[in-house]
Amino acid sequence: LSQFLHGEQGALMTAAALTHAAPDYEGKLYAATQTMDEARHVEAYDSYIQKLAIVYPISPWLKSVIDDTLQADHWVKIAIGMNMVVEGLALGAFHNMRRTTTCPLLRKLTELVLRDESRHVAFGNLYVRETVGDMHPDDREDIAQFAFEVIQAIANAIGGVDGTGPRKPDPGFLKVLDEVGIDHEDFIRAIVAAGASGMRAEVPAGQVHSFKDLMMPALVRVGAVTDRTRALFDEAGIPVWDDLSVIESMEDAGSGDLSGDPELAAAV
């Protein structure tokens, strides 16, 4: 939940940056409405977490992605970093939280946020795809390189696209262990022993895979993956998934009506 909050804070800053950087009036208008959405999300998750416990630190890799996006030298890179990478991560995480939480309030909150984020990803596709298609090949390669480096940085930090490889220690998670009185080294030894005994963490049925189902298909769809960077992804061991079925279904849900859920419609 803390990472949800930090991600929304980052999305608020990047949406504001895109509002300033967007080259046309209509793009600025939508980016401004997204900034409003993100501000509401920050307020909602902050209020929810404060009722439960403490806010843990932002994961270093998430901070790095947000920083790189904010410092990008072209508005298309900002849109890719925010509307495809950060929002792709958010869509997957929100979908999975909605399916697994036993708290009705958190499920309703996440459902409402998920609808907004689906529209944000769809906007990124509409706004970026035409621009990338009209770019000079050298400029397109520069955009594709940025997309590759962001995805590679995330994969390296979290142990690969499937999360099973070596990863850098996350100070936020170490703080979780401290809060509940678990020794760091003892925890690591237990994880290693569990893996050696054949225990594996299986992804529950119905879970969305952020890389496979959302981020990579979104980048392919807008032309931010070129033949050159496909080779780089292959060399880095990162598959270039391009099946759009999951992301398109989520975008459709994000723009659909709420008549099938009167309680949710009332909340909106």
C-alpha atoms as a PDB file:
ATOM      1  CA  LEU A   1       0.000   0.000   0.000  1.00  0.00           C
ATOM      2  CA  SER A   2       2.867   2.388   0.714  1.00  0.00           C
ATOM      3  CA  GLN A   3       4.214   1.777  -2.788  1.00  0.00           C
ATOM      4  CA  PHE A   4       0.738   2.556  -4.166  1.00  0.00           C
ATOM      5  CA  LEU A   5       0.901   5.879  -2.350  1.00  0.00           C
ATOM      6  CA  HIS A   6       4.422   6.681  -3.528  1.00  0.00           C
ATOM      7  CA  GLY A   7       3.559   5.669  -7.083  1.00  0.00           C
ATOM      8  CA  GLU A   8       0.571   8.007  -7.069  1.00  0.00           C
ATOM      9  CA  GLN A   9       2.740  10.825  -5.695  1.00  0.00           C
ATOM     10  CA  GLY A  10       5.159  10.205  -8.556  1.00  0.00           C
ATOM     11  CA  ALA A  11       2.324  10.096 -11.076  1.00  0.00           C
ATOM     12  CA  LEU A  12       1.036  13.414  -9.714  1.00  0.00           C
ATOM     13  CA  MET A  13       4.431  15.033 -10.337  1.00  0.00           C
ATOM     14  CA  THR A  14       4.918  13.498 -13.774  1.00  0.00           C
ATOM     15  CA  ALA A  15       1.376  14.357 -14.896  1.00  0.00           C
ATOM     16  CA  ALA A  16       2.010  17.951 -13.827  1.00  0.00           C
ATOM     17  CA  ALA A  17       5.279  17.903 -15.784  1.00  0.00           C
ATOM     18  CA  LEU A  18       3.463  16.592 -18.857  1.00  0.00           C
ATOM     19  CA  THR A  19       0.856  19.340 -18.524  1.00  0.00           C
ATOM     20  CA  HIS A  20       3.679  21.834 -18.861  1.00  0.00           C
ATOM     21  CA  ALA A  21       5.604  19.941 -21.566  1.00  0.00           C
ATOM     22  CA  ALA A  22       2.758  18.831 -23.847  1.00  0.00           C
ATOM     23  CA  PRO A  23       3.046  20.717 -27.149  1.00  0.00           C
ATOM     24  CA  ASP A  24      -0.651  21.281 -27.828  1.00  0.00           C
ATOM     25  CA  TYR A  25      -3.689  22.632 -26.029  1.00  0.00           C
ATOM     26  CA  GLU A  26      -5.709  19.400 -25.997  1.00  0.00           C
ATOM     27  CA  GLY A  27      -2.785  17.402 -24.610  1.00  0.00           C
ATOM     28  CA  LYS A  28      -2.313  19.939 -21.848  1.00  0.00           C
ATOM     29  CA  LEU A  29      -6.020  19.763 -20.963  1.00  0.00           C
ATOM     30  CA  TYR A  30      -5.997  15.993 -20.583  1.00  0.00           C
ATOM     31  CA  ALA A  31      -2.709  15.972 -18.658  1.00  0.00           C
ATOM     32  CA  ALA A  32      -4.249  18.551 -16.306  1.00  0.00           C
ATOM     33  CA  THR A  33      -7.265  16.314 -15.673  1.00  0.00           C
ATOM     34  CA  GLN A  34      -4.881  13.406 -15.005  1.00  0.00           C
ATOM     35  CA  THR A  35      -3.017  15.576 -12.501  1.00  0.00           C
ATOM     36  CA  MET A  36      -6.319  16.116 -10.690  1.00  0.00           C
ATOM     37  CA  ASP A  37      -6.986  12.368 -10.726  1.00  0.00           C
ATOM     38  CA  GLU A  38      -3.574  11.598  -9.251  1.00  0.00           C
ATOM     39  CA  ALA A  39      -4.034  14.202  -6.507  1.00  0.00           C
ATOM     40  CA  ARG A  40      -7.268  12.497  -5.463  1.00  0.00           C
ATOM     41  CA  HIS A  41      -5.537   9.113  -5.475  1.00  0.00           C
ATOM     42  CA  VAL A  42      -2.731  10.408  -3.256  1.00  0.00           C
ATOM     43  CA  GLU A  43      -5.238  11.808  -0.786  1.00  0.00           C
ATOM     44  CA  ALA A  44      -7.311   8.616  -0.749  1.00  0.00           C
ATOM     45  CA  TYR A  45      -4.420   6.181  -0.233  1.00  0.00           C
ATOM     46  CA  ASP A  46      -2.775   8.440   2.344  1.00  0.00           C
ATOM     47  CA  SER A  47      -6.004   8.583   4.344  1.00  0.00           C
ATOM     48  CA  TYR A  48      -6.446   4.796   4.134  1.00  0.00           C
ATOM     49  CA  ILE A  49      -2.876   3.955   5.163  1.00  0.00           C
ATOM     50  CA  GLN A  50      -2.880   6.438   8.041  1.00  0.00           C
ATOM     51  CA  LYS A  51      -5.877   4.575   9.489  1.00  0.00           C
ATOM     52  CA  LEU A  52      -3.944   1.306   9.414  1.00  0.00           C
ATOM     53  CA  ALA A  53      -0.311   1.842  10.278  1.00  0.00           C
ATOM     54  CA  ILE A  54       2.783   3.655   9.028  1.00  0.00           C
ATOM     55  CA  VAL A  55       3.941   4.728   5.570  1.00  0.00           C
ATOM     56  CA  TYR A  56       7.011   2.740   4.521  1.00  0.00           C
ATOM     57  CA  PRO A  57       9.787   4.265   2.351  1.00  0.00           C
ATOM     58  CA  ILE A  58       9.543   4.322  -1.426  1.00  0.00           C
ATOM     59  CA  SER A  59      11.317   1.460  -3.193  1.00  0.00           C
ATOM     60  CA  PRO A  60      14.590   2.734  -4.717  1.00  0.00           C
ATOM     61  CA  TRP A  61      13.754   1.372  -8.176  1.00  0.00           C
ATOM     62  CA  LEU A  62      10.367   3.131  -8.187  1.00  0.00           C
ATOM     63  CA  LYS A  63      12.007   6.401  -7.157  1.00  0.00           C
ATOM     64  CA  SER A  64      14.584   5.932  -9.921  1.00  0.00           C
ATOM     65  CA  VAL A  65      11.897   5.437 -12.590  1.00  0.00           C
ATOM     66  CA  ILE A  66      10.001   8.511 -11.417  1.00  0.00           C
ATOM     67  CA  ASP A  67      13.192  10.616 -11.279  1.00  0.00           C
ATOM     68  CA  ASP A  68      14.247   9.516 -14.780  1.00  0.00           C
ATOM     69  CA  THR A  69      10.798  10.371 -16.117  1.00  0.00           C
ATOM     70  CA  LEU A  70      10.769  13.804 -14.499  1.00  0.00           C
ATOM     71  CA  GLN A  71      14.223  14.578 -15.881  1.00  0.00           C
ATOM     72  CA  ALA A  72      13.479  13.372 -19.421  1.00  0.00           C
ATOM     73  CA  ASP A  73      14.328  15.771 -22.236  1.00  0.00           C
ATOM     74  CA  HIS A  74      11.224  15.157 -24.368  1.00  0.00           C
ATOM     75  CA  TRP A  75       7.525  15.115 -23.525  1.00  0.00           C
ATOM     76  CA  VAL A  76       7.094  11.729 -25.239  1.00  0.00           C
ATOM     77  CA  LYS A  77       9.581  10.223 -22.769  1.00  0.00           C
ATOM     78  CA  ILE A  78       7.569  11.695 -19.895  1.00  0.00           C
ATOM     79  CA  ALA A  79       4.386  10.162 -21.332  1.00  0.00           C
ATOM     80  CA  ILE A  80       6.097   6.781 -21.807  1.00  0.00           C
ATOM     81  CA  GLY A  81       7.612   6.774 -18.325  1.00  0.00           C
ATOM     82  CA  MET A  82       4.321   7.767 -16.729  1.00  0.00           C
ATOM     83  CA  ASN A  83       1.419   6.540 -18.858  1.00  0.00           C
ATOM     84  CA  MET A  84       2.972   3.247 -19.932  1.00  0.00           C
ATOM     85  CA  VAL A  85       5.577   2.197 -17.397  1.00  0.00           C
ATOM     86  CA  VAL A  86       4.458   3.655 -14.042  1.00  0.00           C
ATOM     87  CA  GLU A  87       0.765   3.377 -14.921  1.00  0.00           C
ATOM     88  CA  GLY A  88       1.338  -0.114 -16.327  1.00  0.00           C
ATOM     89  CA  LEU A  89       2.818  -1.162 -13.004  1.00  0.00           C
ATOM     90  CA  ALA A  90      -0.086   0.520 -11.231  1.00  0.00           C
ATOM     91  CA  LEU A  91      -2.747  -1.173 -13.356  1.00  0.00           C
ATOM     92  CA  GLY A  92      -1.308  -4.603 -12.617  1.00  0.00           C
ATOM     93  CA  ALA A  93      -0.870  -3.940  -8.906  1.00  0.00           C
ATOM     94  CA  PHE A  94      -4.336  -2.404  -8.488  1.00  0.00           C
ATOM     95  CA  HIS A  95      -6.001  -5.240 -10.388  1.00  0.00           C
ATOM     96  CA  ASN A  96      -4.258  -7.851  -8.247  1.00  0.00           C
ATOM     97  CA  MET A  97      -5.018  -5.985  -5.005  1.00  0.00           C
ATOM     98  CA  ARG A  98      -8.683  -5.691  -5.945  1.00  0.00           C
ATOM     99  CA  ARG A  99      -8.862  -9.458  -6.484  1.00  0.00           C
ATOM    100  CA  THR A 100      -7.053 -10.449  -3.286  1.00  0.00           C
ATOM    101  CA  THR A 101      -8.032  -7.934  -0.602  1.00  0.00           C
ATOM    102  CA  THR A 102     -10.613  -8.932   1.996  1.00  0.00           C
ATOM    103  CA  CYS A 103     -11.331  -5.284   2.908  1.00  0.00           C
ATOM    104  CA  PRO A 104     -14.472  -3.961   1.147  1.00  0.00           C
ATOM    105  CA  LEU A 105     -13.305  -0.350   1.534  1.00  0.00           C
ATOM    106  CA  LEU A 106      -9.913  -1.033  -0.048  1.00  0.00           C
ATOM    107  CA  ARG A 107     -11.568  -3.012  -2.855  1.00  0.00           C
ATOM    108  CA  LYS A 108     -13.935  -0.133  -3.633  1.00  0.00           C
ATOM    109  CA  LEU A 109     -11.133   2.448  -3.409  1.00  0.00           C
ATOM    110  CA  THR A 110      -8.904   0.422  -5.700  1.00  0.00           C
ATOM    111  CA  GLU A 111     -11.725  -0.167  -8.185  1.00  0.00           C
ATOM    112  CA  LEU A 112     -12.294   3.563  -8.520  1.00  0.00           C
ATOM    113  CA  VAL A 113      -8.587   4.293  -8.900  1.00  0.00           C
ATOM    114  CA  LEU A 114      -8.245   1.473 -11.424  1.00  0.00           C
ATOM    115  CA  ARG A 115     -10.841   3.071 -13.683  1.00  0.00           C
ATOM    116  CA  ASP A 116      -8.891   6.322 -13.731  1.00  0.00           C
ATOM    117  CA  GLU A 117      -5.572   4.604 -14.401  1.00  0.00           C
ATOM    118  CA  SER A 118      -7.057   2.642 -17.306  1.00  0.00           C
ATOM    119  CA  ARG A 119      -8.015   5.903 -18.984  1.00  0.00           C
ATOM    120  CA  HIS A 120      -4.539   7.304 -18.355  1.00  0.00           C
ATOM    121  CA  VAL A 121      -2.911   4.365 -20.138  1.00  0.00           C
ATOM    122  CA  ALA A 122      -5.350   4.723 -23.044  1.00  0.00           C
ATOM    123  CA  PHE A 123      -4.526   8.433 -23.290  1.00  0.00           C
ATOM    124  CA  GLY A 124      -0.812   7.631 -23.448  1.00  0.00           C
ATOM    125  CA  ASN A 125      -1.459   5.293 -26.359  1.00  0.00           C
ATOM    126  CA  LEU A 126      -3.559   7.800 -28.320  1.00  0.00           C
ATOM    127  CA  TYR A 127      -1.305  10.768 -27.661  1.00  0.00           C
ATOM    128  CA  VAL A 128       2.091   9.111 -28.138  1.00  0.00           C
ATOM    129  CA  ARG A 129       1.504   6.657 -30.992  1.00  0.00           C
ATOM    130  CA  GLU A 130       0.870   9.265 -33.692  1.00  0.00           C
ATOM    131  CA  THR A 131       3.796  11.408 -32.568  1.00  0.00           C
ATOM    132  CA  VAL A 132       6.242   8.495 -32.513  1.00  0.00           C
ATOM    133  CA  GLY A 133       5.037   7.400 -35.950  1.00  0.00           C
ATOM    134  CA  ASP A 134       5.808  10.849 -37.386  1.00  0.00           C
ATOM    135  CA  MET A 135       9.264  11.113 -35.825  1.00  0.00           C
ATOM    136  CA  HIS A 136      12.548  11.028 -37.659  1.00  0.00           C
ATOM    137  CA  PRO A 137      14.068   7.519 -37.277  1.00  0.00           C
ATOM    138  CA  ASP A 138      16.913   8.885 -35.122  1.00  0.00           C
ATOM    139  CA  ASP A 139      14.445  10.547 -32.730  1.00  0.00           C
ATOM    140  CA  ARG A 140      12.355   7.377 -32.631  1.00  0.00           C
ATOM    141  CA  GLU A 141      15.443   5.380 -31.679  1.00  0.00           C
ATOM    142  CA  ASP A 142      16.161   7.854 -28.871  1.00  0.00           C
ATOM    143  CA  ILE A 143      12.642   7.323 -27.504  1.00  0.00           C
ATOM    144  CA  ALA A 144      13.003   3.539 -27.836  1.00  0.00           C
ATOM    145  CA  GLN A 145      16.337   3.637 -25.997  1.00  0.00           C
ATOM    146  CA  PHE A 146      14.722   5.503 -23.101  1.00  0.00           C
ATOM    147  CA  ALA A 147      11.935   2.904 -22.926  1.00  0.00           C
ATOM    148  CA  PHE A 148      14.467   0.058 -22.935  1.00  0.00           C
ATOM    149  CA  GLU A 149      16.599   1.584 -20.198  1.00  0.00           C
ATOM    150  CA  VAL A 150      13.599   2.181 -17.922  1.00  0.00           C
ATOM    151  CA  ILE A 151      12.310  -1.381 -18.342  1.00  0.00           C
ATOM    152  CA  GLN A 152      15.803  -2.856 -17.886  1.00  0.00           C
ATOM    153  CA  ALA A 153      16.359  -0.846 -14.696  1.00  0.00           C
ATOM    154  CA  ILE A 154      13.111  -2.151 -13.192  1.00  0.00           C
ATOM    155  CA  ALA A 155      13.852  -5.749 -14.208  1.00  0.00           C
ATOM    156  CA  ASN A 156      17.361  -5.585 -12.743  1.00  0.00           C
ATOM    157  CA  ALA A 157      16.077  -4.141  -9.468  1.00  0.00           C
ATOM    158  CA  ILE A 158      13.266  -6.637  -8.862  1.00  0.00           C
ATOM    159  CA  GLY A 159      15.032  -9.817  -9.973  1.00  0.00           C
ATOM    160  CA  GLY A 160      13.933  -9.996 -13.605  1.00  0.00           C
ATOM    161  CA  VAL A 161      10.525  -9.737 -15.219  1.00  0.00           C
ATOM    162  CA  ASP A 162       9.336 -12.777 -13.249  1.00  0.00           C
ATOM    163  CA  GLY A 163      10.882 -11.595  -9.965  1.00  0.00           C
ATOM    164  CA  THR A 164      12.750 -14.852  -9.363  1.00  0.00           C
ATOM    165  CA  GLY A 165      16.318 -13.610  -9.856  1.00  0.00           C
ATOM    166  CA  PRO A 166      18.678 -11.753  -7.510  1.00  0.00           C
ATOM    167  CA  ARG A 167      17.477  -8.368  -6.416  1.00  0.00           C
ATOM    168  CA  LYS A 168      18.790  -5.386  -4.527  1.00  0.00           C
ATOM    169  CA  PRO A 169      17.706  -5.054  -0.862  1.00  0.00           C
ATOM    170  CA  ASP A 170      14.656  -2.856  -0.452  1.00  0.00           C
ATOM    171  CA  PRO A 171      14.998  -0.636   2.647  1.00  0.00           C
ATOM    172  CA  GLY A 172      11.219  -0.405   2.902  1.00  0.00           C
ATOM    173  CA  PHE A 173      10.834  -4.172   3.196  1.00  0.00           C
ATOM    174  CA  LEU A 174      13.706  -4.357   5.683  1.00  0.00           C
ATOM    175  CA  LYS A 175      11.789  -1.819   7.761  1.00  0.00           C
ATOM    176  CA  VAL A 176       8.749  -4.116   7.634  1.00  0.00           C
ATOM    177  CA  LEU A 177      10.906  -6.887   9.112  1.00  0.00           C
ATOM    178  CA  ASP A 178      12.141  -4.497  11.806  1.00  0.00           C
ATOM    179  CA  GLU A 179       8.577  -3.484  12.693  1.00  0.00           C
ATOM    180  CA  VAL A 180       7.535  -7.096  13.297  1.00  0.00           C
ATOM    181  CA  GLY A 181      10.779  -8.108  15.012  1.00  0.00           C
ATOM    182  CA  ILE A 182      12.233 -10.454  12.384  1.00  0.00           C
ATOM    183  CA  ASP A 183      16.019 -10.603  12.001  1.00  0.00           C
ATOM    184  CA  HIS A 184      17.092  -9.787   8.421  1.00  0.00           C
ATOM    185  CA  GLU A 185      19.650 -12.575   8.126  1.00  0.00           C
ATOM    186  CA  ASP A 186      17.303 -15.108   9.707  1.00  0.00           C
ATOM    187  CA  PHE A 187      14.610 -14.199   7.186  1.00  0.00           C
ATOM    188  CA  ILE A 188      17.011 -14.608   4.258  1.00  0.00           C
ATOM    189  CA  ARG A 189      18.190 -17.981   5.559  1.00  0.00           C
ATOM    190  CA  ALA A 190      14.586 -19.151   5.842  1.00  0.00           C
ATOM    191  CA  ILE A 191      13.821 -18.065   2.263  1.00  0.00           C
ATOM    192  CA  VAL A 192      16.913 -19.839   0.936  1.00  0.00           C
ATOM    193  CA  ALA A 193      16.032 -22.996   2.881  1.00  0.00           C
ATOM    194  CA  ALA A 194      12.454 -22.921   1.574  1.00  0.00           C
ATOM    195  CA  GLY A 195      13.701 -22.623  -2.002  1.00  0.00           C
ATOM    196  CA  ALA A 196      16.188 -25.454  -1.503  1.00  0.00           C
ATOM    197  CA  SER A 197      13.382 -27.688  -0.224  1.00  0.00           C
ATOM    198  CA  GLY A 198      11.426 -27.174  -3.442  1.00  0.00           C
ATOM    199  CA  MET A 199       8.929 -24.598  -2.183  1.00  0.00           C
ATOM    200  CA  ARG A 200       7.834 -22.190  -4.915  1.00  0.00           C
ATOM    201  CA  ALA A 201       5.586 -19.139  -4.836  1.00  0.00           C
ATOM    202  CA  GLU A 202       2.915 -19.675  -7.460  1.00  0.00           C
ATOM    203  CA  VAL A 203       1.129 -16.670  -8.934  1.00  0.00           C
ATOM    204  CA  PRO A 204      -2.612 -16.960  -8.148  1.00  0.00           C
ATOM    205  CA  ALA A 205      -4.972 -17.543 -11.064  1.00  0.00           C
ATOM    206  CA  GLY A 206      -6.338 -14.338 -12.542  1.00  0.00           C
ATOM    207  CA  GLN A 207      -3.367 -12.185 -11.542  1.00  0.00           C
ATOM    208  CA  VAL A 208      -2.168  -9.629 -14.101  1.00  0.00           C
ATOM    209  CA  HIS A 209       1.529  -9.651 -15.022  1.00  0.00           C
ATOM    210  CA  SER A 210       2.613  -6.007 -15.324  1.00  0.00           C
ATOM    211  CA  PHE A 211       5.456  -6.661 -17.790  1.00  0.00           C
ATOM    212  CA  LYS A 212       3.737  -9.286 -19.927  1.00  0.00           C
ATOM    213  CA  ASP A 213       0.185  -7.973 -19.985  1.00  0.00           C
ATOM    214  CA  LEU A 214       0.590  -4.205 -19.705  1.00  0.00           C
ATOM    215  CA  MET A 215       3.942  -2.438 -19.973  1.00  0.00           C
ATOM    216  CA  MET A 216       5.558  -4.240 -22.899  1.00  0.00           C
ATOM    217  CA  PRO A 217       2.384  -4.436 -25.049  1.00  0.00           C
ATOM    218  CA  ALA A 218       1.819  -0.697 -24.446  1.00  0.00           C
ATOM    219  CA  LEU A 219       5.347   0.154 -25.587  1.00  0.00           C
ATOM    220  CA  VAL A 220       5.056  -2.045 -28.675  1.00  0.00           C
ATOM    221  CA  ARG A 221       1.682  -0.527 -29.545  1.00  0.00           C
ATOM    222  CA  VAL A 222       2.982   3.053 -29.689  1.00  0.00           C
ATOM    223  CA  GLY A 223       6.148   2.170 -31.604  1.00  0.00           C
ATOM    224  CA  ALA A 224       8.540   2.644 -28.664  1.00  0.00           C
ATOM    225  CA  VAL A 225      10.151  -0.748 -29.383  1.00  0.00           C
ATOM    226  CA  THR A 226      12.255  -0.830 -32.552  1.00  0.00           C
ATOM    227  CA  ASP A 227      14.174  -3.650 -34.237  1.00  0.00           C
ATOM    228  CA  ARG A 228      17.336  -2.366 -32.583  1.00  0.00           C
ATOM    229  CA  THR A 229      15.903  -2.296 -29.077  1.00  0.00           C
ATOM    230  CA  ARG A 230      14.194  -5.670 -29.591  1.00  0.00           C
ATOM    231  CA  ALA A 231      17.708  -7.047 -29.893  1.00  0.00           C
ATOM    232  CA  LEU A 232      18.680  -5.212 -26.684  1.00  0.00           C
ATOM    233  CA  PHE A 233      15.672  -6.653 -24.835  1.00  0.00           C
ATOM    234  CA  ASP A 234      16.584 -10.118 -26.095  1.00  0.00           C
ATOM    235  CA  GLU A 235      20.183  -9.692 -24.951  1.00  0.00           C
ATOM    236  CA  ALA A 236      18.934  -8.564 -21.521  1.00  0.00           C
ATOM    237  CA  GLY A 237      16.640 -11.609 -21.253  1.00  0.00           C
ATOM    238  CA  ILE A 238      13.454  -9.511 -21.331  1.00  0.00           C
ATOM    239  CA  PRO A 239      10.764 -10.894 -23.664  1.00  0.00           C
ATOM    240  CA  VAL A 240       8.950  -8.383 -25.865  1.00  0.00           C
ATOM    241  CA  TRP A 241       5.322  -9.344 -25.288  1.00  0.00           C
ATOM    242  CA  ASP A 242       2.841  -7.747 -27.670  1.00  0.00           C
ATOM    243  CA  ASP A 243      -0.541  -9.344 -26.855  1.00  0.00           C
ATOM    244  CA  LEU A 244      -2.906  -6.389 -26.312  1.00  0.00           C
ATOM    245  CA  SER A 245      -5.929  -8.337 -25.075  1.00  0.00           C
ATOM    246  CA  VAL A 246      -5.484  -7.621 -21.347  1.00  0.00           C
ATOM    247  CA  ILE A 247      -4.552  -3.956 -21.633  1.00  0.00           C
ATOM    248  CA  GLU A 248      -7.368  -3.249 -24.104  1.00  0.00           C
ATOM    249  CA  SER A 249      -9.931  -4.957 -21.896  1.00  0.00           C
ATOM    250  CA  MET A 250      -8.794  -2.830 -18.949  1.00  0.00           C
ATOM    251  CA  GLU A 251      -8.991   0.337 -21.034  1.00  0.00           C
ATOM    252  CA  ASP A 252     -12.515  -0.608 -22.110  1.00  0.00           C
ATOM    253  CA  ALA A 253     -13.480  -1.160 -18.481  1.00  0.00           C
ATOM    254  CA  GLY A 254     -11.969   2.192 -17.543  1.00  0.00           C
ATOM    255  CA  SER A 255     -14.243   4.038 -19.964  1.00  0.00           C
ATOM    256  CA  GLY A 256     -17.363   1.930 -19.486  1.00  0.00           C
ATOM    257  CA  ASP A 257     -20.503   2.732 -17.510  1.00  0.00           C
ATOM    258  CA  LEU A 258     -21.114   1.678 -13.904  1.00  0.00           C
ATOM    259  CA  SER A 259     -24.720   0.594 -14.271  1.00  0.00           C
ATOM    260  CA  GLY A 260     -23.854  -2.976 -13.297  1.00  0.00           C
ATOM    261  CA  ASP A 261     -22.648  -1.864  -9.861  1.00  0.00           C
ATOM    262  CA  PRO A 262     -25.114   0.567  -8.209  1.00  0.00           C
ATOM    263  CA  GLU A 263     -23.028   0.838  -5.046  1.00  0.00           C
ATOM    264  CA  LEU A 264     -19.916   1.751  -7.022  1.00  0.00           C
ATOM    265  CA  ALA A 265     -21.887   4.204  -9.158  1.00  0.00           C
ATOM    266  CA  ALA A 266     -23.155   5.899  -6.001  1.00  0.00           C
ATOM    267  CA  ALA A 267     -19.595   6.137  -4.672  1.00  0.00           C
ATOM    268  CA  VAL A 268     -18.443   7.811  -7.888  1.00  0.00           C
END
